[in-house]
Amino acid sequence: MGSFSIWHWLIVLLIVVMVFGTKKLKNMGSDLGGAVKGFKDGMRDGSSSADDKPAAPAAQVTANAGADKTTIDVEARTKS
């Protein structure tokens, strides 16, 4: 009862193919492969850009440049 034999795995595979179909399994496999590739590319880009230099902060964009320049001061409080 410790491990499954090859026949158990073949029966499970056959049931999965019968339930989902080969076309859907192929699409799921390609989607999963694309996600893994995108994740690896993101990790590679993230580590190389972090080593080069820190990114400059983005410039603040104001929508109403000519409008009244009033600000509202708000104090954040934590819930107790």
C-alpha atoms as a PDB file:
ATOM      1  CA  MET A   1       0.000   0.000   0.000  1.00  0.00           C
ATOM      2  CA  GLY A   2       3.074   2.230   0.079  1.00  0.00           C
ATOM      3  CA  SER A   3       3.529   3.007  -3.608  1.00  0.00           C
ATOM      4  CA  PHE A   4       1.516   2.734  -6.766  1.00  0.00           C
ATOM      5  CA  SER A   5       2.536   0.493  -9.632  1.00  0.00           C
ATOM      6  CA  ILE A   6       2.766   1.567 -13.255  1.00  0.00           C
ATOM      7  CA  TRP A   7      -0.692   0.081 -13.886  1.00  0.00           C
ATOM      8  CA  HIS A   8      -2.273   2.384 -11.332  1.00  0.00           C
ATOM      9  CA  TRP A   9      -0.707   5.434 -12.994  1.00  0.00           C
ATOM     10  CA  LEU A  10      -1.790   4.274 -16.464  1.00  0.00           C
ATOM     11  CA  ILE A  11      -5.385   3.881 -15.299  1.00  0.00           C
ATOM     12  CA  VAL A  12      -5.322   7.359 -13.733  1.00  0.00           C
ATOM     13  CA  LEU A  13      -3.881   8.808 -16.960  1.00  0.00           C
ATOM     14  CA  LEU A  14      -6.556   7.073 -19.032  1.00  0.00           C
ATOM     15  CA  ILE A  15      -9.331   8.464 -16.822  1.00  0.00           C
ATOM     16  CA  VAL A  16      -7.880  11.988 -17.012  1.00  0.00           C
ATOM     17  CA  VAL A  17      -7.676  11.793 -20.821  1.00  0.00           C
ATOM     18  CA  MET A  18     -11.238  10.509 -21.015  1.00  0.00           C
ATOM     19  CA  VAL A  19     -12.552  13.285 -18.769  1.00  0.00           C
ATOM     20  CA  PHE A  20     -10.675  16.250 -20.244  1.00  0.00           C
ATOM     21  CA  GLY A  21      -9.851  15.134 -23.767  1.00  0.00           C
ATOM     22  CA  THR A  22      -6.525  15.414 -25.540  1.00  0.00           C
ATOM     23  CA  LYS A  23      -7.156  18.875 -27.020  1.00  0.00           C
ATOM     24  CA  LYS A  24      -7.921  20.469 -23.657  1.00  0.00           C
ATOM     25  CA  LEU A  25      -4.920  18.769 -22.042  1.00  0.00           C
ATOM     26  CA  LYS A  26      -2.681  20.049 -24.857  1.00  0.00           C
ATOM     27  CA  ASN A  27      -3.978  23.601 -24.365  1.00  0.00           C
ATOM     28  CA  MET A  28      -3.480  23.383 -20.600  1.00  0.00           C
ATOM     29  CA  GLY A  29       0.066  22.120 -21.117  1.00  0.00           C
ATOM     30  CA  SER A  30       0.975  24.943 -23.490  1.00  0.00           C
ATOM     31  CA  ASP A  31      -0.576  27.523 -21.143  1.00  0.00           C
ATOM     32  CA  LEU A  32       1.392  26.122 -18.229  1.00  0.00           C
ATOM     33  CA  GLY A  33       4.598  26.156 -20.264  1.00  0.00           C
ATOM     34  CA  GLY A  34       4.019  29.780 -21.272  1.00  0.00           C
ATOM     35  CA  ALA A  35       3.393  30.758 -17.666  1.00  0.00           C
ATOM     36  CA  VAL A  36       6.602  29.075 -16.509  1.00  0.00           C
ATOM     37  CA  LYS A  37       8.577  30.751 -19.303  1.00  0.00           C
ATOM     38  CA  GLY A  38       7.109  34.148 -18.412  1.00  0.00           C
ATOM     39  CA  PHE A  39       7.948  33.600 -14.747  1.00  0.00           C
ATOM     40  CA  LYS A  40      11.547  32.681 -15.580  1.00  0.00           C
ATOM     41  CA  ASP A  41      11.909  35.733 -17.841  1.00  0.00           C
ATOM     42  CA  GLY A  42      10.482  37.946 -15.107  1.00  0.00           C
ATOM     43  CA  MET A  43      12.875  36.546 -12.532  1.00  0.00           C
ATOM     44  CA  ARG A  44      15.800  37.027 -14.895  1.00  0.00           C
ATOM     45  CA  ASP A  45      14.779  40.626 -15.706  1.00  0.00           C
ATOM     46  CA  GLY A  46      14.130  41.434 -12.060  1.00  0.00           C
ATOM     47  CA  SER A  47      17.507  40.221 -10.867  1.00  0.00           C
ATOM     48  CA  SER A  48      19.509  41.912 -13.645  1.00  0.00           C
ATOM     49  CA  SER A  49      17.813  45.298 -13.270  1.00  0.00           C
ATOM     50  CA  ALA A  50      18.194  45.202  -9.475  1.00  0.00           C
ATOM     51  CA  ASP A  51      21.924  44.560  -9.795  1.00  0.00           C
ATOM     52  CA  ASP A  52      22.535  47.326 -12.346  1.00  0.00           C
ATOM     53  CA  LYS A  53      21.188  50.385 -10.558  1.00  0.00           C
ATOM     54  CA  PRO A  54      18.109  51.380  -8.612  1.00  0.00           C
ATOM     55  CA  ALA A  55      15.280  52.742 -10.697  1.00  0.00           C
ATOM     56  CA  ALA A  56      14.665  56.474 -10.541  1.00  0.00           C
ATOM     57  CA  PRO A  57      11.372  57.442  -8.924  1.00  0.00           C
ATOM     58  CA  ALA A  58       8.611  58.253 -11.373  1.00  0.00           C
ATOM     59  CA  ALA A  59       7.718  61.894 -11.811  1.00  0.00           C
ATOM     60  CA  GLN A  60       4.486  62.944 -10.181  1.00  0.00           C
ATOM     61  CA  VAL A  61       1.839  63.812 -12.722  1.00  0.00           C
ATOM     62  CA  THR A  62      -0.913  66.235 -11.815  1.00  0.00           C
ATOM     63  CA  ALA A  63      -4.118  66.229 -13.811  1.00  0.00           C
ATOM     64  CA  ASN A  64      -5.132  69.782 -12.881  1.00  0.00           C
ATOM     65  CA  ALA A  65      -1.910  71.721 -13.398  1.00  0.00           C
ATOM     66  CA  GLY A  66      -3.650  75.100 -13.757  1.00  0.00           C
ATOM     67  CA  ALA A  67      -6.329  74.484 -11.125  1.00  0.00           C
ATOM     68  CA  ASP A  68      -6.412  75.562  -7.492  1.00  0.00           C
ATOM     69  CA  LYS A  69      -3.488  73.995  -5.606  1.00  0.00           C
ATOM     70  CA  THR A  70      -5.134  73.021  -2.339  1.00  0.00           C
ATOM     71  CA  THR A  71      -4.069  69.944  -0.446  1.00  0.00           C
ATOM     72  CA  ILE A  72      -5.837  67.900   2.136  1.00  0.00           C
ATOM     73  CA  ASP A  73      -3.760  66.584   5.014  1.00  0.00           C
ATOM     74  CA  VAL A  74      -4.906  63.201   6.248  1.00  0.00           C
ATOM     75  CA  GLU A  75      -3.599  61.296   9.238  1.00  0.00           C
ATOM     76  CA  ALA A  76      -3.689  57.523   8.895  1.00  0.00           C
ATOM     77  CA  ARG A  77      -4.741  55.637  11.987  1.00  0.00           C
ATOM     78  CA  THR A  78      -4.633  51.958  12.648  1.00  0.00           C
ATOM     79  CA  LYS A  79      -7.666  50.075  13.885  1.00  0.00           C
ATOM     80  CA  SER A  80      -7.474  48.820  17.416  1.00  0.00           C
END
